[in-house]
């Protein structure tokens, strides 16, 4: 098991679960796995608060193309401060004690993408 520190800047989810989470994940876990754990916590407290999405993962990630949407701001760094580019491969194994800062709808993004249909999203997650 490893610890991942996830800082989320999304006001509606922050009201429910806070803005900083310390997750215990399997050694082979990736950022998609971490977000799934956040969604489990949100579901325990009534579900995802934004009606246009079914989950945080649905809001930020396209599993068909294995990538985060353009408007998602993401920064990750190891314990010593070295940056990690998680945009290149969202399913790369996270290092131990990594800190990830996630802003689902970055304010200065000019190219906004709509999330894929939830049914297609769910099928792609199961297949991948």
C-alpha atoms as a PDB file:
ATOM      1  CA  UNK A   1       0.000   0.000   0.000  1.00  0.00           C
ATOM      2  CA  UNK A   2       1.063   3.580  -0.634  1.00  0.00           C
ATOM      3  CA  UNK A   3      -0.180   6.999   0.367  1.00  0.00           C
ATOM      4  CA  UNK A   4      -1.192   9.558  -2.234  1.00  0.00           C
ATOM      5  CA  UNK A   5      -1.996  13.153  -1.314  1.00  0.00           C
ATOM      6  CA  UNK A   6      -4.687  14.531  -3.618  1.00  0.00           C
ATOM      7  CA  UNK A   7      -5.583  18.213  -3.538  1.00  0.00           C
ATOM      8  CA  UNK A   8      -8.772  19.004  -5.451  1.00  0.00           C
ATOM      9  CA  UNK A   9      -9.866  22.538  -6.324  1.00  0.00           C
ATOM     10  CA  UNK A  10     -13.555  22.079  -7.072  1.00  0.00           C
ATOM     11  CA  UNK A  11     -15.874  23.970  -4.699  1.00  0.00           C
ATOM     12  CA  UNK A  12     -18.893  21.658  -4.877  1.00  0.00           C
ATOM     13  CA  UNK A  13     -16.860  18.546  -4.041  1.00  0.00           C
ATOM     14  CA  UNK A  14     -14.763  20.409  -1.465  1.00  0.00           C
ATOM     15  CA  UNK A  15     -17.942  21.144   0.521  1.00  0.00           C
ATOM     16  CA  UNK A  16     -18.599  17.396   0.741  1.00  0.00           C
ATOM     17  CA  UNK A  17     -15.181  15.760   1.205  1.00  0.00           C
ATOM     18  CA  UNK A  18     -12.776  18.647   1.720  1.00  0.00           C
ATOM     19  CA  UNK A  19     -10.018  19.809  -0.587  1.00  0.00           C
ATOM     20  CA  UNK A  20      -7.131  17.625   0.573  1.00  0.00           C
ATOM     21  CA  UNK A  21      -7.340  13.846   0.740  1.00  0.00           C
ATOM     22  CA  UNK A  22      -4.777  11.299   1.843  1.00  0.00           C
ATOM     23  CA  UNK A  23      -5.595   8.085   0.030  1.00  0.00           C
ATOM     24  CA  UNK A  24      -4.304   4.599   0.752  1.00  0.00           C
ATOM     25  CA  UNK A  25      -3.887   2.845  -2.594  1.00  0.00           C
ATOM     26  CA  UNK A  26      -2.542  -0.406  -3.938  1.00  0.00           C
ATOM     27  CA  UNK A  27       1.160  -0.290  -4.898  1.00  0.00           C
ATOM     28  CA  UNK A  28       0.294  -0.443  -8.632  1.00  0.00           C
ATOM     29  CA  UNK A  29      -2.412   2.253  -8.423  1.00  0.00           C
ATOM     30  CA  UNK A  30      -2.583   5.166 -10.848  1.00  0.00           C
ATOM     31  CA  UNK A  31      -4.385   8.502 -10.845  1.00  0.00           C
ATOM     32  CA  UNK A  32      -7.532   6.970 -12.364  1.00  0.00           C
ATOM     33  CA  UNK A  33      -7.622   4.533  -9.417  1.00  0.00           C
ATOM     34  CA  UNK A  34      -7.182   7.439  -6.982  1.00  0.00           C
ATOM     35  CA  UNK A  35     -10.075   9.374  -8.532  1.00  0.00           C
ATOM     36  CA  UNK A  36     -12.255   6.256  -8.363  1.00  0.00           C
ATOM     37  CA  UNK A  37     -11.591   6.160  -4.613  1.00  0.00           C
ATOM     38  CA  UNK A  38     -12.631   9.825  -4.359  1.00  0.00           C
ATOM     39  CA  UNK A  39     -15.835   8.983  -6.227  1.00  0.00           C
ATOM     40  CA  UNK A  40     -16.524   6.179  -3.743  1.00  0.00           C
ATOM     41  CA  UNK A  41     -16.251   8.700  -0.906  1.00  0.00           C
ATOM     42  CA  UNK A  42     -18.571  11.093  -2.723  1.00  0.00           C
ATOM     43  CA  UNK A  43     -21.097   8.299  -3.317  1.00  0.00           C
ATOM     44  CA  UNK A  44     -21.060   7.452   0.393  1.00  0.00           C
ATOM     45  CA  UNK A  45     -22.078  11.071   1.054  1.00  0.00           C
ATOM     46  CA  UNK A  46     -24.886  11.271  -1.496  1.00  0.00           C
ATOM     47  CA  UNK A  47     -23.209  11.249  -4.905  1.00  0.00           C
ATOM     48  CA  UNK A  48     -21.495  13.677  -7.205  1.00  0.00           C
ATOM     49  CA  UNK A  49     -22.830  17.211  -6.688  1.00  0.00           C
ATOM     50  CA  UNK A  50     -22.768  18.479 -10.298  1.00  0.00           C
ATOM     51  CA  UNK A  51     -25.807  17.305 -12.268  1.00  0.00           C
ATOM     52  CA  UNK A  52     -24.079  17.342 -15.671  1.00  0.00           C
ATOM     53  CA  UNK A  53     -21.615  14.644 -14.542  1.00  0.00           C
ATOM     54  CA  UNK A  54     -22.053  11.334 -12.756  1.00  0.00           C
ATOM     55  CA  UNK A  55     -18.668  11.380 -11.021  1.00  0.00           C
ATOM     56  CA  UNK A  56     -15.436  13.305 -10.702  1.00  0.00           C
ATOM     57  CA  UNK A  57     -13.771  10.821 -13.033  1.00  0.00           C
ATOM     58  CA  UNK A  58     -16.546  11.352 -15.607  1.00  0.00           C
ATOM     59  CA  UNK A  59     -15.952  15.110 -15.348  1.00  0.00           C
ATOM     60  CA  UNK A  60     -12.199  15.002 -15.982  1.00  0.00           C
ATOM     61  CA  UNK A  61     -11.249  11.840 -17.892  1.00  0.00           C
ATOM     62  CA  UNK A  62     -11.984  10.323 -21.292  1.00  0.00           C
ATOM     63  CA  UNK A  63     -11.404   6.548 -20.966  1.00  0.00           C
ATOM     64  CA  UNK A  64     -11.941   5.965 -24.687  1.00  0.00           C
ATOM     65  CA  UNK A  65      -8.811   8.014 -25.451  1.00  0.00           C
ATOM     66  CA  UNK A  66      -7.104   7.498 -22.039  1.00  0.00           C
ATOM     67  CA  UNK A  67      -6.615  11.205 -21.448  1.00  0.00           C
ATOM     68  CA  UNK A  68      -7.765  14.085 -19.315  1.00  0.00           C
ATOM     69  CA  UNK A  69      -9.874  16.795 -20.912  1.00  0.00           C
ATOM     70  CA  UNK A  70      -8.125  19.989 -22.020  1.00  0.00           C
ATOM     71  CA  UNK A  71      -9.719  22.112 -19.283  1.00  0.00           C
ATOM     72  CA  UNK A  72      -8.370  19.879 -16.504  1.00  0.00           C
ATOM     73  CA  UNK A  73      -5.359  21.401 -14.767  1.00  0.00           C
ATOM     74  CA  UNK A  74      -3.090  18.813 -13.227  1.00  0.00           C
ATOM     75  CA  UNK A  75       0.225  18.950 -11.392  1.00  0.00           C
ATOM     76  CA  UNK A  76       1.988  16.108  -9.627  1.00  0.00           C
ATOM     77  CA  UNK A  77       5.241  15.938  -7.775  1.00  0.00           C
ATOM     78  CA  UNK A  78       7.242  13.393  -5.827  1.00  0.00           C
ATOM     79  CA  UNK A  79       8.309  13.782  -2.218  1.00  0.00           C
ATOM     80  CA  UNK A  80      11.581  15.512  -3.217  1.00  0.00           C
ATOM     81  CA  UNK A  81       9.759  17.995  -5.443  1.00  0.00           C
ATOM     82  CA  UNK A  82      10.426  16.410  -8.858  1.00  0.00           C
ATOM     83  CA  UNK A  83       7.467  16.960 -11.176  1.00  0.00           C
ATOM     84  CA  UNK A  84       5.637  14.068 -12.866  1.00  0.00           C
ATOM     85  CA  UNK A  85       3.682  14.517 -16.086  1.00  0.00           C
ATOM     86  CA  UNK A  86       0.514  12.482 -15.515  1.00  0.00           C
ATOM     87  CA  UNK A  87      -1.143  13.897 -18.616  1.00  0.00           C
ATOM     88  CA  UNK A  88       1.115  11.761 -20.817  1.00  0.00           C
ATOM     89  CA  UNK A  89      -0.277   8.539 -19.340  1.00  0.00           C
ATOM     90  CA  UNK A  90      -3.086   8.810 -16.766  1.00  0.00           C
ATOM     91  CA  UNK A  91      -2.674   5.112 -15.978  1.00  0.00           C
ATOM     92  CA  UNK A  92       1.009   5.232 -15.091  1.00  0.00           C
ATOM     93  CA  UNK A  93       1.763   3.899 -11.625  1.00  0.00           C
ATOM     94  CA  UNK A  94       1.938   6.667  -9.048  1.00  0.00           C
ATOM     95  CA  UNK A  95       5.055   6.898  -6.903  1.00  0.00           C
ATOM     96  CA  UNK A  96       4.840   6.521  -3.126  1.00  0.00           C
ATOM     97  CA  UNK A  97       3.990   9.772  -1.300  1.00  0.00           C
ATOM     98  CA  UNK A  98       3.165  11.659  -4.488  1.00  0.00           C
ATOM     99  CA  UNK A  99       1.151  14.872  -4.280  1.00  0.00           C
ATOM    100  CA  UNK A 100      -1.359  15.532  -7.044  1.00  0.00           C
ATOM    101  CA  UNK A 101      -3.123  18.863  -7.483  1.00  0.00           C
ATOM    102  CA  UNK A 102      -6.264  18.587  -9.587  1.00  0.00           C
ATOM    103  CA  UNK A 103      -8.358  21.468 -10.900  1.00  0.00           C
ATOM    104  CA  UNK A 104     -11.227  19.905 -12.889  1.00  0.00           C
ATOM    105  CA  UNK A 105     -12.122  23.104 -14.709  1.00  0.00           C
ATOM    106  CA  UNK A 106      -9.045  25.284 -14.967  1.00  0.00           C
ATOM    107  CA  UNK A 107     -10.032  28.930 -15.267  1.00  0.00           C
ATOM    108  CA  UNK A 108      -7.718  29.988 -18.087  1.00  0.00           C
ATOM    109  CA  UNK A 109      -8.461  27.200 -20.561  1.00  0.00           C
ATOM    110  CA  UNK A 110      -9.844  28.463 -23.847  1.00  0.00           C
ATOM    111  CA  UNK A 111     -10.555  25.060 -25.407  1.00  0.00           C
ATOM    112  CA  UNK A 112     -13.349  23.466 -23.378  1.00  0.00           C
ATOM    113  CA  UNK A 113     -14.325  19.867 -24.072  1.00  0.00           C
ATOM    114  CA  UNK A 114     -17.629  18.266 -23.179  1.00  0.00           C
ATOM    115  CA  UNK A 115     -17.463  14.988 -21.272  1.00  0.00           C
ATOM    116  CA  UNK A 116     -18.399  11.915 -23.261  1.00  0.00           C
ATOM    117  CA  UNK A 117     -21.786  10.301 -22.720  1.00  0.00           C
ATOM    118  CA  UNK A 118     -21.908   8.446 -19.393  1.00  0.00           C
ATOM    119  CA  UNK A 119     -22.922   5.135 -20.979  1.00  0.00           C
ATOM    120  CA  UNK A 120     -19.947   5.280 -23.351  1.00  0.00           C
ATOM    121  CA  UNK A 121     -17.738   6.366 -20.438  1.00  0.00           C
ATOM    122  CA  UNK A 122     -18.860   3.384 -18.321  1.00  0.00           C
ATOM    123  CA  UNK A 123     -18.361   0.867 -21.146  1.00  0.00           C
ATOM    124  CA  UNK A 124     -14.871   2.200 -21.877  1.00  0.00           C
ATOM    125  CA  UNK A 125     -13.896   1.981 -18.183  1.00  0.00           C
ATOM    126  CA  UNK A 126     -15.026  -1.637 -18.042  1.00  0.00           C
ATOM    127  CA  UNK A 127     -13.196  -2.527 -21.247  1.00  0.00           C
ATOM    128  CA  UNK A 128      -9.993  -0.748 -20.281  1.00  0.00           C
END
